[in-house]
């Protein structure tokens, strides 16, 4: 059954999957997911509110942090309806248009997050290795340009991905491995030749996260080299401590992403719970933990949050 005969879309439904074997505990699982989504959305909202309303945080580092928080919040919102639908309402069906829309936002936002983390690494490199030119290099105008480039990069990567999906036909049980639509998962349901789709998916991954991760690593090689040239141990610690939050954000984003991609491409014989655990880690770890990391490790953010809640308490 082709979904695009004579440019008319035939009704097509995919079935989402929760956690196999834990169906009896879905009530508790749904409570856990609701709690995590609440942390992700409220935490990133607070970070955004604090940066917007505090004039002393209107600096390149915090502009990029606000973009990271906005990306994480949108990523949570893009998967929340189907994930909670599966666990709370046992609603597993999702139509083609809804599935494609969700897939677009998940992959688009993933590309954006990888790009933002790279931009933040560049910010830390300039701040530590060339501090005297920091204000002249990372001007507000340049930060806006970087933001537009990040959005444009995601759009350019996603358009061919969506166009290649138009050629596929689906003629078998369309059961997905996750509680949301993920490109490698969707194309496996097709009865068409998916070689081109798979190759472009791999190219998209390598040209975004696969390129960004080594560049981030290289930036930290330069940062460490610069820090080690500082004579004072105290100054070394102070300089490198500004990178701790970013290193944490990089780790919690790339480790689940690499794991999920590896499971889909080479772990077909892996148990279903492995797919589920990796997909949920990729889905929730960055949005949940990034606000916590930056709130704890960034003094200015921590002080602003304490001040905000003390004011509300008063």
Protein backbone atom coordinates (compact mmCIF):
# COMPACT_ATOMS: atom_id res chain seq x y z
CA UNK A 1 0.00 0.00 0.00
CA UNK A 2 1.66 3.23 -1.10
CA UNK A 3 0.93 6.26 1.00
CA UNK A 4 1.50 8.65 -1.88
CA UNK A 5 -0.42 7.28 -4.90
CA UNK A 6 -1.50 10.11 -7.19
CA UNK A 7 -0.36 12.55 -4.47
CA UNK A 8 -3.28 11.43 -2.26
CA UNK A 9 -2.34 10.31 1.23
CA UNK A 10 -4.04 7.11 2.29
CA UNK A 11 -4.88 6.81 5.97
CA UNK A 12 -1.95 5.20 7.73
CA UNK A 13 -1.52 4.50 11.43
CA UNK A 14 1.58 3.57 13.39
CA UNK A 15 1.45 1.79 16.73
CA UNK A 16 3.69 3.18 19.45
CA UNK A 17 5.31 0.97 22.08
CA UNK A 18 5.67 1.54 25.80
CA UNK A 19 7.83 -0.63 28.04
CA UNK A 20 7.30 -4.34 27.23
CA UNK A 21 6.64 -6.44 30.30
CA UNK A 22 5.67 -3.52 32.53
CA UNK A 23 2.11 -3.01 31.27
CA UNK A 24 0.71 -3.75 34.74
CA UNK A 25 2.85 -0.96 36.24
CA UNK A 26 1.97 1.72 33.67
CA UNK A 27 0.20 3.78 36.35
CA UNK A 28 3.45 4.17 38.28
CA UNK A 29 5.46 4.59 35.09
CA UNK A 30 3.13 7.39 33.97
CA UNK A 31 3.58 9.13 37.33
CA UNK A 32 7.37 8.94 36.90
CA UNK A 33 7.17 10.33 33.37
CA UNK A 34 4.83 13.14 34.46
CA UNK A 35 7.31 14.04 37.20
CA UNK A 36 10.24 14.10 34.76
CA UNK A 37 8.34 16.15 32.20
CA UNK A 38 7.32 18.61 34.92
CA UNK A 39 10.98 19.02 35.94
CA UNK A 40 12.09 19.45 32.32
CA UNK A 41 9.46 22.04 31.37
CA UNK A 42 9.49 24.01 34.63
CA UNK A 43 13.28 23.89 34.98
CA UNK A 44 13.95 25.18 31.47
CA UNK A 45 11.18 27.76 31.82
CA UNK A 46 12.81 29.12 34.98
CA UNK A 47 16.21 29.33 33.27
CA UNK A 48 14.65 31.24 30.36
CA UNK A 49 12.72 33.58 32.66
CA UNK A 50 15.80 34.37 34.76
CA UNK A 51 18.00 35.12 31.75
CA UNK A 52 15.35 37.30 30.09
CA UNK A 53 14.52 39.31 33.22
CA UNK A 54 18.06 39.77 34.62
CA UNK A 55 19.98 42.47 32.80
CA UNK A 56 23.32 41.29 34.22
CA UNK A 57 22.83 37.93 32.47
CA UNK A 58 22.53 39.50 29.02
CA UNK A 59 25.86 38.10 27.89
CA UNK A 60 26.81 35.67 25.07
CA UNK A 61 27.18 32.70 27.41
CA UNK A 62 23.68 33.16 28.82
CA UNK A 63 22.11 33.93 25.44
CA UNK A 64 23.35 30.54 24.26
CA UNK A 65 22.17 28.92 27.49
CA UNK A 66 18.70 30.39 26.92
CA UNK A 67 18.72 28.90 23.40
CA UNK A 68 19.70 25.52 24.86
CA UNK A 69 16.88 25.73 27.43
CA UNK A 70 14.35 26.69 24.75
CA UNK A 71 15.47 23.74 22.61
CA UNK A 72 15.22 21.32 25.54
CA UNK A 73 11.76 22.59 26.48
CA UNK A 74 10.48 22.25 22.90
CA UNK A 75 11.98 18.74 22.69
CA UNK A 76 10.04 17.75 25.81
CA UNK A 77 6.82 19.27 24.48
CA UNK A 78 7.21 17.49 21.12
CA UNK A 79 7.24 14.04 22.73
CA UNK A 80 5.01 14.62 25.76
CA UNK A 81 1.61 13.96 24.04
CA UNK A 82 2.46 10.53 22.66
CA UNK A 83 4.57 9.36 25.62
CA UNK A 84 1.94 10.23 28.20
CA UNK A 85 -0.76 8.99 25.82
CA UNK A 86 0.86 5.55 25.76
CA UNK A 87 1.47 5.29 29.50
CA UNK A 88 -1.53 7.20 30.89
CA UNK A 89 -4.30 6.48 28.37
CA UNK A 90 -2.97 3.37 26.60
CA UNK A 91 -3.43 5.33 23.37
CA UNK A 92 -0.87 3.79 21.01
CA UNK A 93 -2.09 4.83 17.56
CA UNK A 94 -0.63 7.81 15.71
CA UNK A 95 -1.52 8.95 12.19
CA UNK A 96 0.97 9.52 9.39
CA UNK A 97 0.81 13.32 9.43
CA UNK A 98 1.15 13.49 13.22
CA UNK A 99 4.02 11.00 13.12
CA UNK A 100 5.89 12.94 10.42
CA UNK A 101 5.36 16.22 12.26
CA UNK A 102 6.66 14.78 15.53
CA UNK A 103 9.61 13.19 13.73
CA UNK A 104 10.51 16.52 12.14
CA UNK A 105 10.55 18.37 15.45
CA UNK A 106 12.47 15.64 17.31
CA UNK A 107 15.25 15.47 14.71
CA UNK A 108 15.24 19.22 14.03
CA UNK A 109 15.58 19.99 17.74
CA UNK A 110 18.27 17.32 18.13
CA UNK A 111 20.32 18.99 15.38
CA UNK A 112 19.70 22.35 17.06
CA UNK A 113 20.87 21.10 20.45
CA UNK A 114 24.06 19.67 18.98
CA UNK A 115 24.71 22.99 17.20
CA UNK A 116 24.05 25.01 20.37
CA UNK A 117 26.50 22.86 22.33
CA UNK A 118 29.12 23.49 19.65
CA UNK A 119 28.45 27.25 19.81
CA UNK A 120 28.79 27.11 23.60
CA UNK A 121 32.13 25.32 23.24
CA UNK A 122 33.29 28.12 20.93
CA UNK A 123 32.09 30.65 23.52
CA UNK A 124 34.13 28.95 26.26
CA UNK A 125 37.17 28.75 23.96
CA UNK A 126 37.08 32.51 23.27
CA UNK A 127 36.41 33.35 26.94
CA UNK A 128 39.43 31.35 28.17
CA UNK A 129 41.92 31.48 25.29
CA UNK A 130 41.26 35.02 24.05
CA UNK A 131 39.47 36.89 26.86
CA UNK A 132 40.55 40.38 25.77
CA UNK A 133 38.69 40.02 22.45
CA UNK A 134 35.67 38.16 23.89
CA UNK A 135 33.32 41.18 23.84
CA UNK A 136 34.34 42.20 20.33
CA UNK A 137 34.07 38.70 18.83
CA UNK A 138 30.81 37.56 20.44
CA UNK A 139 28.68 40.65 20.03
CA UNK A 140 24.85 40.49 20.36
CA UNK A 141 24.57 40.76 16.58
CA UNK A 142 26.91 37.82 16.09
CA UNK A 143 24.97 35.76 18.64
CA UNK A 144 21.78 36.43 16.63
CA UNK A 145 23.60 35.35 13.47
CA UNK A 146 24.77 32.16 15.18
CA UNK A 147 21.19 31.47 16.30
CA UNK A 148 19.85 31.91 12.77
CA UNK A 149 22.59 29.63 11.40
CA UNK A 150 21.67 26.97 13.96
CA UNK A 151 17.99 27.09 12.93
CA UNK A 152 18.89 27.16 9.21
CA UNK A 153 21.18 24.17 9.60
CA UNK A 154 18.39 22.12 11.14
CA UNK A 155 15.95 23.03 8.37
CA UNK A 156 18.45 22.24 5.59
CA UNK A 157 19.21 18.84 7.11
CA UNK A 158 15.54 17.94 7.64
CA UNK A 159 14.06 18.87 4.24
CA UNK A 160 15.75 16.03 2.27
CA UNK A 161 14.90 13.62 5.09
CA UNK A 162 11.19 14.40 4.74
CA UNK A 163 11.28 14.35 0.93
CA UNK A 164 12.88 10.89 0.93
CA UNK A 165 10.05 9.60 3.12
CA UNK A 166 7.56 10.46 0.32
CA UNK A 167 8.86 7.59 -1.82
CA UNK A 168 8.22 4.89 0.77
CA UNK A 169 5.33 2.44 0.91
CA UNK A 170 4.03 0.71 4.02
CA UNK A 171 2.38 -2.70 3.73
CA UNK A 172 3.05 -4.50 7.01
CA UNK A 173 2.33 -4.08 10.70
CA UNK A 174 3.54 -0.58 11.45
CA UNK A 175 4.68 -1.14 15.03
CA UNK A 176 7.32 1.30 16.31
CA UNK A 177 9.84 0.56 19.04
CA UNK A 178 9.32 3.75 21.03
CA UNK A 179 6.58 5.97 22.42
CA UNK A 180 7.34 8.57 19.73
CA UNK A 181 8.20 8.64 16.01
CA UNK A 182 11.93 8.30 15.32
CA UNK A 183 13.24 8.23 11.74
CA UNK A 184 15.27 4.97 11.82
CA UNK A 185 12.33 3.30 13.56
CA UNK A 186 9.73 4.50 11.05
CA UNK A 187 11.63 3.54 7.90
CA UNK A 188 12.08 -0.03 9.20
CA UNK A 189 8.31 -0.43 8.87
CA UNK A 190 8.44 0.26 5.13
CA UNK A 191 8.26 -2.48 2.53
CA UNK A 192 10.15 -0.27 0.04
CA UNK A 193 13.90 -0.19 -0.44
CA UNK A 194 15.12 2.03 2.40
CA UNK A 195 18.82 2.06 1.45
CA UNK A 196 18.78 5.72 0.37
CA UNK A 197 16.84 6.75 3.48
CA UNK A 198 19.23 4.87 5.72
CA UNK A 199 22.29 6.33 3.98
CA UNK A 200 20.95 9.88 4.21
CA UNK A 201 19.99 9.34 7.86
CA UNK A 202 23.56 8.27 8.58
CA UNK A 203 24.90 11.23 6.59
CA UNK A 204 22.65 13.61 8.54
CA UNK A 205 23.89 12.17 11.83
CA UNK A 206 27.57 12.32 10.82
CA UNK A 207 27.30 15.85 9.38
CA UNK A 208 25.67 17.21 12.54
CA UNK A 209 26.40 15.43 15.82
CA UNK A 210 29.17 13.38 14.21
CA UNK A 211 30.92 16.60 13.18
CA UNK A 212 30.04 18.68 16.23
CA UNK A 213 31.34 16.20 18.81
CA UNK A 214 34.95 16.14 17.48
CA UNK A 215 34.92 19.94 17.13
CA UNK A 216 33.78 20.27 20.74
CA UNK A 217 36.52 17.85 21.78
CA UNK A 218 39.12 19.83 19.80
CA UNK A 219 37.99 23.07 21.43
CA UNK A 220 38.58 21.52 24.84
CA UNK A 221 42.05 20.37 23.82
CA UNK A 222 42.84 24.04 23.07
CA UNK A 223 41.16 25.15 26.30
CA UNK A 224 43.14 22.66 28.41
CA UNK A 225 46.37 23.69 26.66
CA UNK A 226 45.61 27.33 27.44
CA UNK A 227 44.63 26.61 31.07
CA UNK A 228 47.81 24.63 31.74
CA UNK A 229 49.86 27.67 30.74
CA UNK A 230 48.40 29.60 33.69
CA UNK A 231 50.94 29.64 36.53
CA UNK A 232 48.51 29.80 39.46
CA UNK A 233 46.69 26.57 40.32
CA UNK A 234 43.82 28.61 41.73
CA UNK A 235 43.49 30.55 38.47
CA UNK A 236 43.58 27.29 36.51
CA UNK A 237 40.72 25.91 38.56
CA UNK A 238 38.75 29.13 38.24
CA UNK A 239 39.20 29.21 34.46
CA UNK A 240 38.27 25.56 33.91
CA UNK A 241 35.35 25.60 36.38
CA UNK A 242 33.42 27.79 33.92
CA UNK A 243 33.38 24.79 31.56
CA UNK A 244 32.08 22.14 33.98
CA UNK A 245 28.39 22.80 33.26
CA UNK A 246 28.95 22.68 29.51
CA UNK A 247 30.93 19.43 29.76
CA UNK A 248 28.03 17.90 31.70
CA UNK A 249 25.52 19.07 29.08
CA UNK A 250 27.66 17.60 26.28
CA UNK A 251 27.93 14.23 28.06
CA UNK A 252 24.21 13.83 28.82
CA UNK A 253 23.32 14.72 25.22
CA UNK A 254 25.86 12.74 23.19
CA UNK A 255 26.06 9.52 25.22
CA UNK A 256 22.32 8.63 24.91
CA UNK A 257 22.23 9.86 21.28
CA UNK A 258 25.18 7.67 20.27
CA UNK A 259 23.71 4.74 22.19
CA UNK A 260 20.28 5.07 20.57
CA UNK A 261 21.75 5.43 17.07
CA UNK A 262 24.00 2.41 17.61
CA UNK A 263 21.12 0.27 18.86
CA UNK A 264 19.00 1.13 15.79
CA UNK A 265 21.76 0.49 13.27
CA UNK A 266 23.63 -2.46 14.74
CA UNK A 267 21.55 -3.77 17.66
CA UNK A 268 18.61 -5.38 15.89
CA UNK A 269 18.96 -8.52 18.01
CA UNK A 270 19.13 -6.51 21.24
CA UNK A 271 16.19 -7.02 23.67
CA UNK A 272 13.32 -4.58 23.29
CA UNK A 273 13.93 -3.06 26.74
CA UNK A 274 17.38 -1.91 25.53
CA UNK A 275 15.71 0.12 22.76
CA UNK A 276 13.21 1.46 25.27
CA UNK A 277 15.77 2.48 27.87
CA UNK A 278 18.02 4.19 25.31
CA UNK A 279 15.10 6.02 23.72
CA UNK A 280 13.85 7.28 27.07
CA UNK A 281 17.35 8.37 28.10
CA UNK A 282 17.74 10.28 24.84
CA UNK A 283 14.27 11.73 25.28
CA UNK A 284 14.48 12.94 28.87
CA UNK A 285 18.04 13.17 30.20
CA UNK A 286 19.11 16.47 28.55
CA UNK A 287 15.87 18.42 29.23
CA UNK A 288 15.71 17.19 32.83
CA UNK A 289 19.37 17.43 33.82
CA UNK A 290 20.56 20.54 31.96
CA UNK A 291 18.59 22.99 34.15
CA UNK A 292 19.79 21.14 37.26
CA UNK A 293 23.44 21.22 36.16
CA UNK A 294 23.40 24.91 35.26
CA UNK A 295 21.46 25.83 38.39
CA UNK A 296 23.95 24.05 40.64
CA UNK A 297 27.23 24.83 38.87
CA UNK A 298 26.64 28.37 37.56
CA UNK A 299 26.85 30.86 40.41
CA UNK A 300 24.95 33.67 38.66
CA UNK A 301 22.06 31.37 37.73
CA UNK A 302 21.97 29.83 41.21
CA UNK A 303 21.87 33.24 42.90
CA UNK A 304 19.13 34.45 40.56
CA UNK A 305 16.98 31.36 41.27
CA UNK A 306 17.42 31.74 45.04
CA UNK A 307 16.54 35.43 44.78
CA UNK A 308 13.46 34.61 42.67
CA UNK A 309 12.09 32.07 45.14
CA UNK A 310 12.92 34.16 48.20
CA UNK A 311 11.03 37.06 46.62
CA UNK A 312 8.04 34.82 45.96
CA UNK A 313 8.19 33.44 49.47
CA UNK A 314 8.28 36.95 50.88
